Amino acid sequence: MSPLRQQLLDQLARFDEDAFVALANRGLFRRALKDLEKQAGALVDDRDDGLVVAIAEQRVSFDARGPAHARCTCPASGVCQHVVAAAITLQRLGAVAPAAADAATAPGAPEAPADALAPLRDALLALPAKALVAHAGRAGYRWAWQFVADLDPDNPLQIGGSAHLVLGFRRPRVSLRYMGGGVENLLADVELAQIEKYRVAAVLAFQLAHGRTPMPPEPSARERNAALDLGRDHALADLPAAALRESRERLRARTAQLIGECLELGLAHLSRGVCERFATLATWSQGAEYHRLALLLRRIADHVEQLLERAGGADEHLLFDELTLAYGLVAALEAAAARGAAPVQLVGRARSSYASVGTLELLGLGAWAWRSGSGYQGLTLLFWSADEQRFHACTDARPEGQRGFDPLARYKAAGPWSGLGAPAQATGRRLVLTDAQLNPAGRLSAADSVGATVLPALAPADFAAALAPQASWAALAQQRRDGQRSLLAEPEPMQDWAVLRPERFGAARFDANRQVLVWPLHDAQGQTLDAELAFSEFTRHAITRVEAMNAAPPRPGTLLVARLRQSADRLVAEPLSLVRTEGPAGQAAVDALHFDPAPEQGLVSRWLAAFKPRADSGGPGAAETRLTPALLPALLGEFRAALQRRAERGISSEQAPQWLAQLEAWAKRAGEAGFTSFGPAVAGPVVVATLRANYLCLQFERLIVGAEPTQE
């Protein structure tokens, strides 16, 4: 047996059905198996520099690079069914006997010993940076290095596999399988336009996970030319990069300066000029490609304008929190710039980008219509991916007032994908999306290129079994607390959704003072979680439906799909739909509360129908999430109140020494209570100390209670 043949057999011994599908696709894999049933392949040439396998009239040639680079004599380009059939033939002719090969591809086959992957791990760790640069190019390596640097610490590279290594990224959703050989043998499960840079990123992330620091990329030609200092005329081509760094540096300084001036002046004494300066900084941030800072500064400018106009939603304390977050973001950007880095988590994105994730199977959980404060309205569909154990959403939105678009009527209109008659047809059904596109926040693209196939309906029990319901409210609250991260972490709106299994549904009541429907949900431990819906033209139907259930409560075991949020001093669920767990296969598994027909109206429902709704954002997530110190240690609540009073009144130069002494006293008390972070925070200028102290209070509140001070 030639060394090349042995090398190929070592790789192919690790191939299972998923690996062959990644090599080509499932259709070609099945066709290859059918071809081999009709006529077995044969090894016709075994040389040190190549192998040739005959598949019917075609000849497939292999070299040391493996099956991904095999060549076939048929007219097809790339990996064809003959290449897959030839690889299976070699696998069956090698050390893996046919019976063993069939067992390896069969579902439920026993996993290989853990140390069976050691040679593959060693091979990936031994890949030098030079080989990675040669594979993806310098620009591709630079992209991969930055991609790995920007990976979310909470969602790093996923490493798994039994017969071979499986390296998976969550954003974008892609898995690469490694059976041995060079970096070019990493096979992706979705088609990517520039697969080389993703292969390199997977190797760099794998090496980083095993304690190997990736080699930094070489500076670009533009950066090298700037360092040469060839003179003003020669540096003109490098002006954009140099100007961007200088612009960002000045922007950070001006933003920190303006925030400090606001605290010195007092948030109750701001002027129209302050509003205009924040608006100017927001525009500057957008031009400097600080997209997240631009969004935050724009919101601050709007908030200052609301304060000047004495608008009902304006609040100096909320403005103080927004200024604190902006200062924290500027400080984080400053620290990153000192290291020569610009993490995407801090910089933000100009717009949401969607990445291809291939085929995606989803369960439709319902939809809701909404209106935003920025002047948009739309319809959002919610889905559950049983394979990923994650929620996904798809939104169709238009500017408010656009003629011909009604979010409620959109539920029964065609789309959003080809093959789907209307969003209503997705509720309670299984869908398979082809050429699906997903963004980092878990939102699905509504592009026409995405195809949807509606599969036969599942029985309610089978549909509910695919979900992951929560039955203990204490465990649910603890899970949310455990999942809290830094205030500057990117928001993950899909993490707020949950499937609840109440032990008993209480009687719903409408709070006329708050204009909110309250629906108590009781768990087996006797704890109560309130489901609430703020009244609007979009929630009118759902409120009517829930109120009618007082006469006929949902059957025991019924699930509730809801969005969780922190409201005042408690956790609140905003209901979307009910999921039945009993009934025949023909019965719909999901009851869409916002759209499905309502029973006969009750007294409260008739009163609601006659009531003119107030203007609000509508839909789940519309109510403002405000945090009170009720669940926090009394010391933190008092400290926060003192900080808010001082920020509202201002910090003059005469008051600065006295206020700094008070901050130090508060920090000492907090340290004695176990909050030792405040001591170092209050060192330095008084304005900076005030912002740092408030930031720490906000961070502790988020970690303890689980709410965010503002919504981005």
Foldseek 3Di string as FASTA:
>chain_A
DAPLLVLQLLLLLLDALLNLCLLPHNVLLVVLVVQCVVPAKAWDDDDNAWTWIDRPPKIWIDGNQYLQPIDIPDPDPGDGSVSSNRSVNSNCPDPQPPVNRVLRHDPPRDFADPCLAVVVLVQLLPDAVVLLCVQQNLVLLQVLLLVQVQADPVFAWDWDDGSWIWTAHVFVGWIWTDSDDDLVRTGINDDDPRVSSVSSSSSCSSNVVVPHHHDHGDDDPLVVQVVVCPDDVSNPVSCVVVVLLVLLVVLLVVLVVLLLVLQQQFLLDDDLVSLVVLLVSLVSLVVSLQPVLSVLSPVLSVLSVCSVVVHPPRDLLLSLQSSLVSNVLSVVCVVQVVVVHDHCLSSPDPDWDWDWPFKAKWAWFAKFWWADPVQKIWIKTWIAGLVVLFIAMEIDMDGPPDPPDDRQVQQQPQFLEPQGRGVVLRHLWMKMKGRWIATPLRYTYSDHVIHIHTDQGAALQVSVVSHDEDQDPVVVQVVLLVPDDALSGDDRQRVQKHKYQAQDKDAWDADPVQQKIWIWGAHPVGDTATAIFRDDPRCLQLSQQRNVCNVPPDDHRKMWIWGWAAAEQDIYTHTAWIADNDDDRVDRRIGGSRRHDHPDGDPVSVVSVPDHDDDWTGDHPTDFHAYQCPQPPVLLNVVSVVLSVSSNNRAHPVNQVVVLVVQCVSQVVVVVVPNNPLNVLSPDGNSSSSSSSNSVSQRVCCSRRNHHSHDD
